[in-house]
Amino acid sequence: WMASKPCPLLKGPGGYCRGSNLRGHTDWTKVCSFRHDARDSLTFDASLRYESIPDGSAKYNELATEVGRLGRVTRVRRIVNAKLEKAYESRRAFLNEKHGSIIEKELWHGTACKALDQILQKGLQCPADSCAAKECSVSGGKGLCTTLCDTNCNKCVKPHKWERCHMFGLGIYLADSAEKSHRYVRPHDDNTYSLVRCRVNLGSPYLVKANLLTQNALHDFVNCSDPSKHLDNIAVPWDH
């Protein structure tokens, strides 16, 4: 009966439910039994436009200096998405109220360039536990290992398996180094590369200092707020 009711989390400060794209392929995966309609998303039907950052400006020089070590910078653009920015500010205010302060950073994200249009429209979402089906018009053919779709898609249903990816769980991966994020970029058809510089609220960070006993030990982990209770069986401290 829950599936007939809209998910209440979509009406929350972030307009987001972690279980919207989880099918429960593993014991660690927590699914959501409520309905997730695209129209309930804060970024539904969002539009975006690009603003060129002038060559020679402080921001252009800052970003070009970091990325320039990887190759020639052809342009720097700012993404303007009013609905996504409103959702971000709502979540930012929620975290500030919850923790009494916020930790906000600008970090790099690298992904398949063919998927950027949808990512820039909806914002970064935690990965699904299903693969991107080739025949899917939304997620197929973009070089992705996990689908961009939620559980309403009837094509992207195959469980996602370890393929030297998501070492610390099915979360959003960002870095303060452009070189690190660039390793995960898959180029456009014209063999050019794009990196995304993101405004990020870190919430309450949890620092993991351990060696994973196997590379895929945390692969199916979907809730990284505090993985400490799982680490005893899958990791050993650095000083061992």
C-alpha atoms as a PDB file:
ATOM      1  CA  TRP A   1       0.000   0.000   0.000  1.00  0.00           C
ATOM      2  CA  MET A   2       2.939   2.341   0.578  1.00  0.00           C
ATOM      3  CA  ALA A   3       3.805   2.285  -3.125  1.00  0.00           C
ATOM      4  CA  SER A   4       0.567   4.135  -3.794  1.00  0.00           C
ATOM      5  CA  LYS A   5       1.631   7.025  -1.560  1.00  0.00           C
ATOM      6  CA  PRO A   6       4.257   9.656  -2.522  1.00  0.00           C
ATOM      7  CA  CYS A   7       7.522   9.513  -0.615  1.00  0.00           C
ATOM      8  CA  PRO A   8       7.441  12.104   2.213  1.00  0.00           C
ATOM      9  CA  LEU A   9      11.182  12.729   1.863  1.00  0.00           C
ATOM     10  CA  LEU A  10      10.573  14.371  -1.500  1.00  0.00           C
ATOM     11  CA  LYS A  11       8.764  17.127   0.368  1.00  0.00           C
ATOM     12  CA  GLY A  12      11.690  17.561   2.781  1.00  0.00           C
ATOM     13  CA  PRO A  13      14.452  20.205   2.736  1.00  0.00           C
ATOM     14  CA  GLY A  14      16.460  18.430   0.067  1.00  0.00           C
ATOM     15  CA  GLY A  15      13.566  17.055  -1.958  1.00  0.00           C
ATOM     16  CA  TYR A  16      15.464  13.779  -2.187  1.00  0.00           C
ATOM     17  CA  CYS A  17      15.119  10.146  -1.101  1.00  0.00           C
ATOM     18  CA  ARG A  18      18.177   7.893  -1.150  1.00  0.00           C
ATOM     19  CA  GLY A  19      16.010   4.870  -1.858  1.00  0.00           C
ATOM     20  CA  SER A  20      14.505   6.254  -5.060  1.00  0.00           C
ATOM     21  CA  ASN A  21      17.033   4.425  -7.262  1.00  0.00           C
ATOM     22  CA  LEU A  22      17.742   1.382  -5.076  1.00  0.00           C
ATOM     23  CA  ARG A  23      16.209  -1.985  -5.930  1.00  0.00           C
ATOM     24  CA  GLY A  24      17.687  -3.909  -2.998  1.00  0.00           C
ATOM     25  CA  HIS A  25      20.049  -6.185  -4.881  1.00  0.00           C
ATOM     26  CA  THR A  26      22.178  -6.736  -1.741  1.00  0.00           C
ATOM     27  CA  ASP A  27      21.531  -7.114   1.983  1.00  0.00           C
ATOM     28  CA  TRP A  28      23.171  -3.721   2.648  1.00  0.00           C
ATOM     29  CA  THR A  29      20.821  -1.861   0.318  1.00  0.00           C
ATOM     30  CA  LYS A  30      17.914  -0.038   1.923  1.00  0.00           C
ATOM     31  CA  VAL A  31      14.975   0.371  -0.427  1.00  0.00           C
ATOM     32  CA  CYS A  32      12.070   2.801  -0.100  1.00  0.00           C
ATOM     33  CA  SER A  33       8.545   1.432  -0.375  1.00  0.00           C
ATOM     34  CA  PHE A  34       6.939   4.761  -1.239  1.00  0.00           C
ATOM     35  CA  ARG A  35       6.232   6.082  -4.731  1.00  0.00           C
ATOM     36  CA  HIS A  36       8.798   8.368  -6.380  1.00  0.00           C
ATOM     37  CA  ASP A  37       7.238  10.463  -9.103  1.00  0.00           C
ATOM     38  CA  ALA A  38       9.525  12.635 -11.182  1.00  0.00           C
ATOM     39  CA  ARG A  39       7.092  15.528 -10.788  1.00  0.00           C
ATOM     40  CA  ASP A  40       7.664  15.504  -7.013  1.00  0.00           C
ATOM     41  CA  SER A  41      11.362  16.254  -7.413  1.00  0.00           C
ATOM     42  CA  LEU A  42      12.525  19.793  -6.659  1.00  0.00           C
ATOM     43  CA  THR A  43      14.433  19.772  -9.936  1.00  0.00           C
ATOM     44  CA  PHE A  44      11.631  18.403 -12.112  1.00  0.00           C
ATOM     45  CA  ASP A  45      11.577  20.159 -15.472  1.00  0.00           C
ATOM     46  CA  ALA A  46      14.541  22.305 -14.409  1.00  0.00           C
ATOM     47  CA  SER A  47      16.272  24.295 -17.113  1.00  0.00           C
ATOM     48  CA  LEU A  48      19.876  25.352 -17.216  1.00  0.00           C
ATOM     49  CA  ARG A  49      21.978  27.817 -19.093  1.00  0.00           C
ATOM     50  CA  TYR A  50      25.685  28.517 -19.351  1.00  0.00           C
ATOM     51  CA  GLU A  51      27.487  31.720 -18.490  1.00  0.00           C
ATOM     52  CA  SER A  52      30.980  32.120 -19.882  1.00  0.00           C
ATOM     53  CA  ILE A  53      33.662  32.993 -17.339  1.00  0.00           C
ATOM     54  CA  PRO A  54      35.913  35.597 -19.023  1.00  0.00           C
ATOM     55  CA  ASP A  55      39.479  34.592 -19.748  1.00  0.00           C
ATOM     56  CA  GLY A  56      41.726  36.579 -17.427  1.00  0.00           C
ATOM     57  CA  SER A  57      39.181  36.897 -14.613  1.00  0.00           C
ATOM     58  CA  ALA A  58      40.147  35.724 -11.123  1.00  0.00           C
ATOM     59  CA  LYS A  59      37.840  32.680 -11.266  1.00  0.00           C
ATOM     60  CA  TYR A  60      38.981  31.681 -14.729  1.00  0.00           C
ATOM     61  CA  ASN A  61      42.629  31.886 -13.701  1.00  0.00           C
ATOM     62  CA  GLU A  62      41.974  29.912 -10.499  1.00  0.00           C
ATOM     63  CA  LEU A  63      40.288  27.017 -12.286  1.00  0.00           C
ATOM     64  CA  ALA A  64      42.498  27.107 -15.374  1.00  0.00           C
ATOM     65  CA  THR A  65      45.602  26.928 -13.193  1.00  0.00           C
ATOM     66  CA  GLU A  66      44.342  23.746 -11.516  1.00  0.00           C
ATOM     67  CA  VAL A  67      43.106  22.087 -14.694  1.00  0.00           C
ATOM     68  CA  GLY A  68      45.867  23.426 -16.934  1.00  0.00           C
ATOM     69  CA  ARG A  69      48.292  20.804 -15.687  1.00  0.00           C
ATOM     70  CA  LEU A  70      46.096  18.197 -17.414  1.00  0.00           C
ATOM     71  CA  GLY A  71      45.960  19.839 -20.831  1.00  0.00           C
ATOM     72  CA  ARG A  72      44.874  22.963 -22.689  1.00  0.00           C
ATOM     73  CA  VAL A  73      41.829  24.734 -21.219  1.00  0.00           C
ATOM     74  CA  THR A  74      39.419  25.771 -23.995  1.00  0.00           C
ATOM     75  CA  ARG A  75      36.687  27.409 -21.900  1.00  0.00           C
ATOM     76  CA  VAL A  76      35.278  27.806 -18.387  1.00  0.00           C
ATOM     77  CA  ARG A  77      31.527  28.137 -17.907  1.00  0.00           C
ATOM     78  CA  ARG A  78      29.203  28.610 -14.951  1.00  0.00           C
ATOM     79  CA  ILE A  79      26.034  26.516 -14.804  1.00  0.00           C
ATOM     80  CA  VAL A  80      22.902  28.490 -13.939  1.00  0.00           C
ATOM     81  CA  ASN A  81      20.038  26.265 -12.727  1.00  0.00           C
ATOM     82  CA  ALA A  82      17.551  28.143 -10.543  1.00  0.00           C
ATOM     83  CA  LYS A  83      15.663  25.065  -9.301  1.00  0.00           C
ATOM     84  CA  LEU A  84      18.837  23.199  -8.398  1.00  0.00           C
ATOM     85  CA  GLU A  85      20.238  26.227  -6.592  1.00  0.00           C
ATOM     86  CA  LYS A  86      17.003  26.595  -4.615  1.00  0.00           C
ATOM     87  CA  ALA A  87      17.173  22.919  -3.580  1.00  0.00           C
ATOM     88  CA  TYR A  88      20.829  23.357  -2.589  1.00  0.00           C
ATOM     89  CA  GLU A  89      20.103  26.413  -0.444  1.00  0.00           C
ATOM     90  CA  SER A  90      17.201  24.603   1.244  1.00  0.00           C
ATOM     91  CA  ARG A  91      19.434  21.677   2.149  1.00  0.00           C
ATOM     92  CA  ARG A  92      22.214  24.041   3.207  1.00  0.00           C
ATOM     93  CA  ALA A  93      19.865  25.793   5.651  1.00  0.00           C
ATOM     94  CA  PHE A  94      18.705  22.424   7.004  1.00  0.00           C
ATOM     95  CA  LEU A  95      22.274  21.271   7.678  1.00  0.00           C
ATOM     96  CA  ASN A  96      23.140  24.574   9.325  1.00  0.00           C
ATOM     97  CA  GLU A  97      20.149  24.227  11.656  1.00  0.00           C
ATOM     98  CA  LYS A  98      20.928  20.570  12.390  1.00  0.00           C
ATOM     99  CA  HIS A  99      24.663  20.922  13.075  1.00  0.00           C
ATOM    100  CA  GLY A 100      24.873  24.548  14.158  1.00  0.00           C
ATOM    101  CA  SER A 101      27.308  25.263  11.335  1.00  0.00           C
ATOM    102  CA  ILE A 102      28.140  24.103   7.845  1.00  0.00           C
ATOM    103  CA  ILE A 103      31.275  23.055   6.018  1.00  0.00           C
ATOM    104  CA  GLU A 104      31.046  24.269   2.439  1.00  0.00           C
ATOM    105  CA  LYS A 105      33.717  23.527  -0.142  1.00  0.00           C
ATOM    106  CA  GLU A 106      34.315  23.771  -3.873  1.00  0.00           C
ATOM    107  CA  LEU A 107      35.352  20.329  -5.088  1.00  0.00           C
ATOM    108  CA  TRP A 108      35.930  18.558  -8.401  1.00  0.00           C
ATOM    109  CA  HIS A 109      33.815  15.798  -9.915  1.00  0.00           C
ATOM    110  CA  GLY A 110      34.669  13.680 -12.934  1.00  0.00           C
ATOM    111  CA  THR A 111      32.257  11.443 -14.801  1.00  0.00           C
ATOM    112  CA  ALA A 112      31.182  10.387 -18.284  1.00  0.00           C
ATOM    113  CA  CYS A 113      30.805  13.591 -20.296  1.00  0.00           C
ATOM    114  CA  LYS A 114      27.802  12.203 -22.169  1.00  0.00           C
ATOM    115  CA  ALA A 115      25.890  12.145 -18.854  1.00  0.00           C
ATOM    116  CA  LEU A 116      26.615  15.764 -17.948  1.00  0.00           C
ATOM    117  CA  ASP A 117      23.383  17.262 -19.296  1.00  0.00           C
ATOM    118  CA  GLN A 118      21.229  15.211 -16.942  1.00  0.00           C
ATOM    119  CA  ILE A 119      23.600  15.641 -14.005  1.00  0.00           C
ATOM    120  CA  LEU A 120      23.672  19.419 -14.424  1.00  0.00           C
ATOM    121  CA  GLN A 121      19.895  19.499 -14.604  1.00  0.00           C
ATOM    122  CA  LYS A 122      19.193  17.368 -11.508  1.00  0.00           C
ATOM    123  CA  GLY A 123      22.400  17.739  -9.538  1.00  0.00           C
ATOM    124  CA  LEU A 124      24.668  14.950  -8.346  1.00  0.00           C
ATOM    125  CA  GLN A 125      22.721  11.945  -7.078  1.00  0.00           C
ATOM    126  CA  CYS A 126      24.034   8.947  -5.169  1.00  0.00           C
ATOM    127  CA  PRO A 127      24.470   6.022  -7.603  1.00  0.00           C
ATOM    128  CA  ALA A 128      21.865   3.330  -8.114  1.00  0.00           C
ATOM    129  CA  ASP A 129      22.514  -0.334  -7.365  1.00  0.00           C
ATOM    130  CA  SER A 130      21.566  -1.264 -10.950  1.00  0.00           C
ATOM    131  CA  CYS A 131      23.463  -1.115 -14.235  1.00  0.00           C
ATOM    132  CA  ALA A 132      22.715   1.252 -17.092  1.00  0.00           C
ATOM    133  CA  ALA A 133      20.933  -0.770 -19.777  1.00  0.00           C
ATOM    134  CA  LYS A 134      22.144  -0.209 -23.332  1.00  0.00           C
ATOM    135  CA  GLU A 135      18.570   0.011 -24.601  1.00  0.00           C
ATOM    136  CA  CYS A 136      17.593   2.695 -22.055  1.00  0.00           C
ATOM    137  CA  SER A 137      17.091   6.076 -23.738  1.00  0.00           C
ATOM    138  CA  VAL A 138      18.104   7.942 -20.564  1.00  0.00           C
ATOM    139  CA  SER A 139      21.120   6.022 -19.275  1.00  0.00           C
ATOM    140  CA  GLY A 140      22.250   3.812 -22.147  1.00  0.00           C
ATOM    141  CA  GLY A 141      25.229   4.572 -24.357  1.00  0.00           C
ATOM    142  CA  LYS A 142      26.803   7.091 -21.988  1.00  0.00           C
ATOM    143  CA  GLY A 143      29.641   4.961 -20.644  1.00  0.00           C
ATOM    144  CA  LEU A 144      28.116   4.696 -17.169  1.00  0.00           C
ATOM    145  CA  CYS A 145      28.463   1.697 -14.883  1.00  0.00           C
ATOM    146  CA  THR A 146      25.323   2.601 -12.880  1.00  0.00           C
ATOM    147  CA  THR A 147      22.016   3.875 -14.200  1.00  0.00           C
ATOM    148  CA  LEU A 148      20.837   7.479 -13.974  1.00  0.00           C
ATOM    149  CA  CYS A 149      17.259   6.200 -13.680  1.00  0.00           C
ATOM    150  CA  ASP A 150      15.182   5.563 -10.592  1.00  0.00           C
ATOM    151  CA  THR A 151      13.286   2.340  -9.896  1.00  0.00           C
ATOM    152  CA  ASN A 152      10.477   3.358 -12.251  1.00  0.00           C
ATOM    153  CA  CYS A 153      12.667   2.379 -15.216  1.00  0.00           C
ATOM    154  CA  ASN A 154      11.806  -1.088 -16.533  1.00  0.00           C
ATOM    155  CA  LYS A 155      15.053  -1.445 -18.485  1.00  0.00           C
ATOM    156  CA  CYS A 156      17.790  -0.656 -15.950  1.00  0.00           C
ATOM    157  CA  VAL A 157      17.128  -3.584 -13.613  1.00  0.00           C
ATOM    158  CA  LYS A 158      20.322  -5.671 -13.714  1.00  0.00           C
ATOM    159  CA  PRO A 159      22.337  -5.618 -10.447  1.00  0.00           C
ATOM    160  CA  HIS A 160      25.478  -3.512 -10.530  1.00  0.00           C
ATOM    161  CA  LYS A 161      28.608  -5.492  -9.646  1.00  0.00           C
ATOM    162  CA  TRP A 162      32.106  -4.535  -8.563  1.00  0.00           C
ATOM    163  CA  GLU A 163      34.189  -3.354 -11.524  1.00  0.00           C
ATOM    164  CA  ARG A 164      36.988  -1.441  -9.768  1.00  0.00           C
ATOM    165  CA  CYS A 165      34.491   1.292  -8.920  1.00  0.00           C
ATOM    166  CA  HIS A 166      32.819   2.824  -5.846  1.00  0.00           C
ATOM    167  CA  MET A 167      35.468   1.519  -3.473  1.00  0.00           C
ATOM    168  CA  PHE A 168      33.887   3.224  -0.471  1.00  0.00           C
ATOM    169  CA  GLY A 169      30.244   2.572  -1.334  1.00  0.00           C
ATOM    170  CA  LEU A 170      27.563   3.883  -3.669  1.00  0.00           C
ATOM    171  CA  GLY A 171      28.048   7.548  -2.863  1.00  0.00           C
ATOM    172  CA  ILE A 172      29.064  10.774  -4.592  1.00  0.00           C
ATOM    173  CA  TYR A 173      32.810  11.025  -5.154  1.00  0.00           C
ATOM    174  CA  LEU A 174      34.509  14.431  -5.193  1.00  0.00           C
ATOM    175  CA  ALA A 175      38.092  15.592  -4.787  1.00  0.00           C
ATOM    176  CA  ASP A 176      40.034  18.751  -4.005  1.00  0.00           C
ATOM    177  CA  SER A 177      42.454  17.801  -6.774  1.00  0.00           C
ATOM    178  CA  ALA A 178      41.515  18.136 -10.447  1.00  0.00           C
ATOM    179  CA  GLU A 179      44.071  15.447 -11.295  1.00  0.00           C
ATOM    180  CA  LYS A 180      42.238  12.944  -9.091  1.00  0.00           C
ATOM    181  CA  SER A 181      38.780  13.637 -10.529  1.00  0.00           C
ATOM    182  CA  HIS A 182      40.133  13.653 -14.081  1.00  0.00           C
ATOM    183  CA  ARG A 183      40.926   9.943 -13.780  1.00  0.00           C
ATOM    184  CA  TYR A 184      37.190   9.210 -13.806  1.00  0.00           C
ATOM    185  CA  VAL A 185      36.286  11.384 -16.811  1.00  0.00           C
ATOM    186  CA  ARG A 186      35.223   9.685 -20.025  1.00  0.00           C
ATOM    187  CA  PRO A 187      35.477  12.129 -22.936  1.00  0.00           C
ATOM    188  CA  HIS A 188      32.991  13.655 -25.341  1.00  0.00           C
ATOM    189  CA  ASP A 189      32.764  12.208 -28.846  1.00  0.00           C
ATOM    190  CA  ASP A 190      35.257  14.840 -30.056  1.00  0.00           C
ATOM    191  CA  ASN A 191      37.781  13.566 -27.470  1.00  0.00           C
ATOM    192  CA  THR A 192      37.538  16.688 -25.287  1.00  0.00           C
ATOM    193  CA  TYR A 193      37.144  16.400 -21.538  1.00  0.00           C
ATOM    194  CA  SER A 194      34.941  18.248 -19.046  1.00  0.00           C
ATOM    195  CA  LEU A 195      35.377  18.525 -15.289  1.00  0.00           C
ATOM    196  CA  VAL A 196      32.700  19.850 -12.934  1.00  0.00           C
ATOM    197  CA  ARG A 197      33.555  22.200 -10.070  1.00  0.00           C
ATOM    198  CA  CYS A 198      30.822  21.790  -7.432  1.00  0.00           C
ATOM    199  CA  ARG A 199      29.621  23.695  -4.394  1.00  0.00           C
ATOM    200  CA  VAL A 200      29.388  21.051  -1.692  1.00  0.00           C
ATOM    201  CA  ASN A 201      27.956  20.971   1.821  1.00  0.00           C
ATOM    202  CA  LEU A 202      29.808  18.233   3.674  1.00  0.00           C
ATOM    203  CA  GLY A 203      27.365  17.900   6.570  1.00  0.00           C
ATOM    204  CA  SER A 204      29.043  15.938   9.369  1.00  0.00           C
ATOM    205  CA  PRO A 205      32.215  14.376   7.890  1.00  0.00           C
ATOM    206  CA  TYR A 206      33.391  10.913   8.921  1.00  0.00           C
ATOM    207  CA  LEU A 207      37.064  10.129   8.299  1.00  0.00           C
ATOM    208  CA  VAL A 208      37.930   6.511   7.569  1.00  0.00           C
ATOM    209  CA  LYS A 209      41.508   5.570   8.489  1.00  0.00           C
ATOM    210  CA  ALA A 210      41.865   1.931   7.579  1.00  0.00           C
ATOM    211  CA  ASN A 211      42.996  -0.586   4.979  1.00  0.00           C
ATOM    212  CA  LEU A 212      40.121  -2.420   3.296  1.00  0.00           C
ATOM    213  CA  LEU A 213      40.722  -6.159   3.389  1.00  0.00           C
ATOM    214  CA  THR A 214      39.333  -6.455  -0.145  1.00  0.00           C
ATOM    215  CA  GLN A 215      38.847  -3.784  -2.808  1.00  0.00           C
ATOM    216  CA  ASN A 216      35.102  -4.378  -3.026  1.00  0.00           C
ATOM    217  CA  ALA A 217      34.501  -4.599   0.735  1.00  0.00           C
ATOM    218  CA  LEU A 218      32.418  -1.407   0.871  1.00  0.00           C
ATOM    219  CA  HIS A 219      31.139  -1.445  -2.704  1.00  0.00           C
ATOM    220  CA  ASP A 220      27.460  -2.069  -1.886  1.00  0.00           C
ATOM    221  CA  PHE A 221      27.392   0.300   1.087  1.00  0.00           C
ATOM    222  CA  VAL A 222      24.741   2.981   0.537  1.00  0.00           C
ATOM    223  CA  ASN A 223      24.691   4.907   3.830  1.00  0.00           C
ATOM    224  CA  CYS A 224      28.063   6.501   4.564  1.00  0.00           C
ATOM    225  CA  SER A 225      26.993   8.724   7.487  1.00  0.00           C
ATOM    226  CA  ASP A 226      28.890   6.443   9.881  1.00  0.00           C
ATOM    227  CA  PRO A 227      30.279   3.164   8.522  1.00  0.00           C
ATOM    228  CA  SER A 228      32.223   2.394  11.732  1.00  0.00           C
ATOM    229  CA  LYS A 229      30.034  -0.549  12.771  1.00  0.00           C
ATOM    230  CA  HIS A 230      30.858  -2.312   9.498  1.00  0.00           C
ATOM    231  CA  LEU A 231      34.600  -1.614   9.461  1.00  0.00           C
ATOM    232  CA  ASP A 232      35.562  -4.195  12.101  1.00  0.00           C
ATOM    233  CA  ASN A 233      34.939  -7.031   9.656  1.00  0.00           C
ATOM    234  CA  ILE A 234      36.244  -5.483   6.451  1.00  0.00           C
ATOM    235  CA  ALA A 235      39.178  -3.262   7.405  1.00  0.00           C
ATOM    236  CA  VAL A 236      42.263  -3.052   9.575  1.00  0.00           C
ATOM    237  CA  PRO A 237      43.729   0.173  11.070  1.00  0.00           C
ATOM    238  CA  TRP A 238      46.655   1.820   9.274  1.00  0.00           C
ATOM    239  CA  ASP A 239      49.022   1.147  12.174  1.00  0.00           C
ATOM    240  CA  HIS A 240      48.651  -2.658  11.902  1.00  0.00           C
END
